[in-house]
């Protein structure tokens, strides 16, 4: 009984602190990255992306979400067993966790998707490496841009998990089909989420992280 009360008290304190931070302005977060609420993101690369490209893509995704007032903690999970395998990669997804899957190409499936990939709430964001390559090849003349484009596609698909269903927009990073304008903005570092989208994602992050706190009760639906 005492243990349950103690866990509940810890959970309530952490939740109060979390809400006060998450609902603050995104501009304040950008100035102090350590204040950003952290979301655990596991990456499963089925496309054999080079480690340097993947690391640069993750940094770009982190930068985009930091502007929206969120912080990602990345764990790269090998798709085959490895002695260096993180324990987090060995288990089923836990509450609040996001798993990003980089697939080689478009799959035949029943999930609603865009040209870049698809998301399966509440955990999985999948994107096509082929789509990133195609955007680079058709819209730019530098293969070194692949990490920037890949990072933006990761942000797009992860955005679906934090924004909810039906969140494609007529412009910006959540546009379903990308053209030269999105690619140019991505390479300039100006492709991001709107103020309203950022606020909505911060609110949904409260729910995600609250569910992962000690003593959280997950209701069945």
Protein backbone atom coordinates (compact mmCIF):
# COMPACT_ATOMS: atom_id res chain seq x y z
CA UNK A 1 0.00 0.00 0.00
CA UNK A 2 2.76 2.43 0.97
CA UNK A 3 4.68 1.51 -2.19
CA UNK A 4 1.64 2.22 -4.38
CA UNK A 5 1.10 5.60 -2.73
CA UNK A 6 4.79 6.43 -3.16
CA UNK A 7 4.69 5.51 -6.86
CA UNK A 8 1.55 7.58 -7.35
CA UNK A 9 3.15 10.60 -5.67
CA UNK A 10 6.27 10.31 -7.83
CA UNK A 11 4.14 9.99 -10.94
CA UNK A 12 2.06 13.04 -10.07
CA UNK A 13 5.13 15.20 -9.40
CA UNK A 14 6.80 14.10 -12.64
CA UNK A 15 3.61 14.72 -14.59
CA UNK A 16 3.17 18.22 -13.17
CA UNK A 17 6.76 19.10 -14.08
CA UNK A 18 6.33 17.58 -17.52
CA UNK A 19 3.15 19.52 -18.28
CA UNK A 20 4.73 22.81 -17.20
CA UNK A 21 7.66 22.22 -19.53
CA UNK A 22 5.78 20.81 -22.53
CA UNK A 23 3.20 23.59 -22.67
CA UNK A 24 5.85 26.29 -22.57
CA UNK A 25 6.76 28.09 -25.78
CA UNK A 26 8.81 26.30 -28.47
CA UNK A 27 11.16 29.29 -28.69
CA UNK A 28 12.15 28.82 -25.06
CA UNK A 29 12.88 25.15 -25.72
CA UNK A 30 15.11 26.00 -28.66
CA UNK A 31 17.32 28.04 -26.35
CA UNK A 32 17.70 25.28 -23.74
CA UNK A 33 17.65 21.81 -25.25
CA UNK A 34 17.95 20.05 -21.88
CA UNK A 35 14.48 21.30 -20.95
CA UNK A 36 12.82 19.50 -23.84
CA UNK A 37 10.69 16.47 -22.97
CA UNK A 38 12.38 13.39 -24.42
CA UNK A 39 10.74 10.75 -26.57
CA UNK A 40 12.54 7.42 -26.94
CA UNK A 41 12.97 6.55 -30.63
CA UNK A 42 14.32 3.22 -31.82
CA UNK A 43 15.51 3.02 -35.43
CA UNK A 44 15.43 -0.20 -37.43
CA UNK A 45 17.29 0.20 -40.71
CA UNK A 46 16.32 -2.43 -43.28
CA UNK A 47 17.93 -0.47 -46.12
CA UNK A 48 21.59 -0.65 -45.07
CA UNK A 49 21.88 3.14 -44.87
CA UNK A 50 25.45 4.14 -44.07
CA UNK A 51 26.00 5.01 -40.38
CA UNK A 52 27.13 8.54 -41.24
CA UNK A 53 24.05 9.25 -43.35
CA UNK A 54 21.75 7.79 -40.70
CA UNK A 55 23.38 9.80 -37.91
CA UNK A 56 23.08 13.01 -39.95
CA UNK A 57 19.43 12.23 -40.75
CA UNK A 58 18.68 11.70 -37.05
CA UNK A 59 20.32 15.03 -36.22
CA UNK A 60 18.14 16.77 -38.80
CA UNK A 61 14.99 15.12 -37.45
CA UNK A 62 16.00 16.15 -33.92
CA UNK A 63 16.56 19.73 -35.07
CA UNK A 64 13.11 19.90 -36.66
CA UNK A 65 11.36 18.57 -33.56
CA UNK A 66 13.45 20.76 -31.25
CA UNK A 67 11.96 23.76 -33.05
CA UNK A 68 8.55 22.31 -32.15
CA UNK A 69 9.58 21.94 -28.49
CA UNK A 70 10.38 18.22 -28.43
CA UNK A 71 13.54 16.16 -27.97
CA UNK A 72 14.33 12.69 -29.29
CA UNK A 73 16.60 10.12 -27.66
CA UNK A 74 17.82 7.81 -30.42
CA UNK A 75 18.72 4.13 -30.27
CA UNK A 76 19.89 2.42 -33.46
CA UNK A 77 18.79 -1.23 -33.47
CA UNK A 78 20.53 -3.70 -35.80
CA UNK A 79 18.03 -5.77 -37.77
CA UNK A 80 20.14 -8.87 -37.09
CA UNK A 81 21.31 -10.07 -33.71
CA UNK A 82 24.44 -8.36 -32.48
CA UNK A 83 26.47 -8.63 -29.26
CA UNK A 84 26.15 -4.85 -28.99
CA UNK A 85 22.36 -5.00 -29.20
CA UNK A 86 20.67 -2.58 -26.80
CA UNK A 87 18.27 -4.24 -24.38
CA UNK A 88 15.55 -1.86 -25.58
CA UNK A 89 15.83 -3.42 -29.05
CA UNK A 90 15.15 -6.93 -27.77
CA UNK A 91 11.72 -6.35 -26.29
CA UNK A 92 8.29 -5.39 -27.51
CA UNK A 93 7.64 -1.61 -27.70
CA UNK A 94 6.84 0.01 -24.37
CA UNK A 95 4.31 2.76 -23.75
CA UNK A 96 5.34 6.09 -25.22
CA UNK A 97 8.09 4.64 -27.40
CA UNK A 98 8.38 5.30 -31.14
CA UNK A 99 9.98 2.91 -33.61
CA UNK A 100 11.17 4.20 -36.97
CA UNK A 101 11.61 1.63 -39.73
CA UNK A 102 13.61 2.52 -42.83
CA UNK A 103 12.39 0.24 -45.61
CA UNK A 104 14.10 -0.18 -48.99
CA UNK A 105 11.07 0.58 -51.14
CA UNK A 106 7.29 0.83 -51.31
CA UNK A 107 5.47 -2.24 -49.99
CA UNK A 108 2.17 -3.77 -50.98
CA UNK A 109 0.08 -3.36 -47.85
CA UNK A 110 -3.29 -2.16 -46.61
CA UNK A 111 -1.99 0.85 -44.67
CA UNK A 112 -2.82 4.31 -45.92
CA UNK A 113 0.43 5.94 -46.91
CA UNK A 114 2.02 8.75 -48.85
CA UNK A 115 4.88 8.67 -51.30
CA UNK A 116 7.35 8.70 -48.40
CA UNK A 117 5.98 5.93 -46.18
CA UNK A 118 3.27 5.20 -43.64
CA UNK A 119 2.59 5.31 -39.92
CA UNK A 120 0.84 2.79 -37.68
CA UNK A 121 -0.30 4.44 -34.45
CA UNK A 122 0.78 4.63 -31.77
CA UNK A 123 4.29 3.26 -32.30
CA UNK A 124 5.54 2.65 -35.84
CA UNK A 125 6.69 5.20 -38.41
CA UNK A 126 7.93 3.59 -41.63
CA UNK A 127 9.60 5.39 -44.52
CA UNK A 128 11.00 4.38 -47.88
CA UNK A 129 14.68 4.99 -48.50
CA UNK A 130 13.95 4.75 -52.21
CA UNK A 131 11.71 7.82 -51.89
CA UNK A 132 14.51 9.84 -50.33
CA UNK A 133 16.89 8.77 -53.10
CA UNK A 134 14.34 9.67 -55.78
CA UNK A 135 13.77 13.14 -54.34
CA UNK A 136 17.51 13.77 -54.24
CA UNK A 137 18.07 12.49 -57.78
CA UNK A 138 15.15 14.31 -59.40
CA UNK A 139 15.14 17.56 -57.47
CA UNK A 140 18.81 18.16 -56.62
CA UNK A 141 22.23 17.44 -58.11
CA UNK A 142 24.08 16.42 -54.95
CA UNK A 143 23.89 12.92 -53.43
CA UNK A 144 25.22 14.43 -50.20
CA UNK A 145 21.73 15.88 -49.65
CA UNK A 146 20.30 12.43 -48.90
CA UNK A 147 20.67 12.78 -45.12
CA UNK A 148 18.74 16.08 -45.06
CA UNK A 149 15.89 14.63 -47.13
CA UNK A 150 15.85 11.39 -45.12
CA UNK A 151 15.71 13.36 -41.88
CA UNK A 152 12.73 15.37 -43.12
CA UNK A 153 10.91 12.22 -44.23
CA UNK A 154 11.53 10.72 -40.78
CA UNK A 155 10.04 13.85 -39.24
CA UNK A 156 7.02 13.63 -41.57
CA UNK A 157 6.15 10.04 -40.71
CA UNK A 158 6.86 10.49 -37.00
CA UNK A 159 4.70 13.59 -37.12
CA UNK A 160 1.73 11.38 -38.00
CA UNK A 161 2.16 9.50 -34.72
CA UNK A 162 2.22 12.69 -32.67
CA UNK A 163 -0.45 14.59 -34.59
CA UNK A 164 -2.96 11.80 -35.17
CA UNK A 165 -4.67 10.53 -38.28
CA UNK A 166 -5.61 12.70 -41.24
CA UNK A 167 -2.94 15.33 -40.63
CA UNK A 168 -1.67 15.87 -44.16
CA UNK A 169 -1.59 19.56 -45.07
CA UNK A 170 -1.58 21.55 -48.30
CA UNK A 171 1.98 22.74 -47.66
CA UNK A 172 4.89 22.28 -45.29
CA UNK A 173 6.49 19.15 -43.88
CA UNK A 174 3.15 17.34 -43.52
CA UNK A 175 2.25 17.71 -47.20
CA UNK A 176 1.46 14.27 -48.66
CA UNK A 177 3.31 14.68 -51.97
CA UNK A 178 6.57 16.59 -52.13
CA UNK A 179 7.84 18.65 -55.02
CA UNK A 180 10.80 20.93 -55.66
CA UNK A 181 9.53 23.50 -53.10
CA UNK A 182 9.55 21.00 -50.21
CA UNK A 183 12.99 19.73 -51.25
CA UNK A 184 14.41 23.26 -51.45
CA UNK A 185 12.97 24.16 -48.04
CA UNK A 186 14.34 20.91 -46.61
CA UNK A 187 17.84 21.70 -47.84
CA UNK A 188 17.58 25.26 -46.46
CA UNK A 189 16.50 23.90 -43.10
CA UNK A 190 13.19 25.78 -43.24
CA UNK A 191 10.84 22.80 -43.60
CA UNK A 192 9.11 22.31 -40.28
CA UNK A 193 5.89 22.16 -38.30
CA UNK A 194 3.47 25.03 -37.82
CA UNK A 195 2.86 26.60 -34.42
CA UNK A 196 -0.48 24.79 -34.13
CA UNK A 197 1.10 21.46 -35.07
CA UNK A 198 3.92 21.98 -32.57
CA UNK A 199 1.48 22.70 -29.75
CA UNK A 200 -0.63 19.67 -30.61
CA UNK A 201 2.45 17.42 -30.63
CA UNK A 202 3.61 18.74 -27.26
CA UNK A 203 0.20 17.97 -25.82
CA UNK A 204 0.21 14.43 -27.22
CA UNK A 205 3.72 13.96 -25.84
CA UNK A 206 2.38 14.62 -22.33
CA UNK A 207 0.07 11.64 -22.81
CA UNK A 208 2.88 9.45 -24.20
CA UNK A 209 5.37 10.18 -21.44
CA UNK A 210 2.73 10.09 -18.71
CA UNK A 211 1.85 6.55 -19.85
CA UNK A 212 5.47 5.48 -19.39
CA UNK A 213 5.83 6.83 -15.81
CA UNK A 214 5.99 4.42 -12.83
CA UNK A 215 2.57 3.19 -11.79
CA UNK A 216 0.88 4.24 -15.03
CA UNK A 217 -2.34 2.40 -15.76
CA UNK A 218 -3.06 1.70 -19.42
CA UNK A 219 -6.77 1.43 -20.09
CA UNK A 220 -7.97 -1.18 -22.55
CA UNK A 221 -10.16 0.09 -25.35
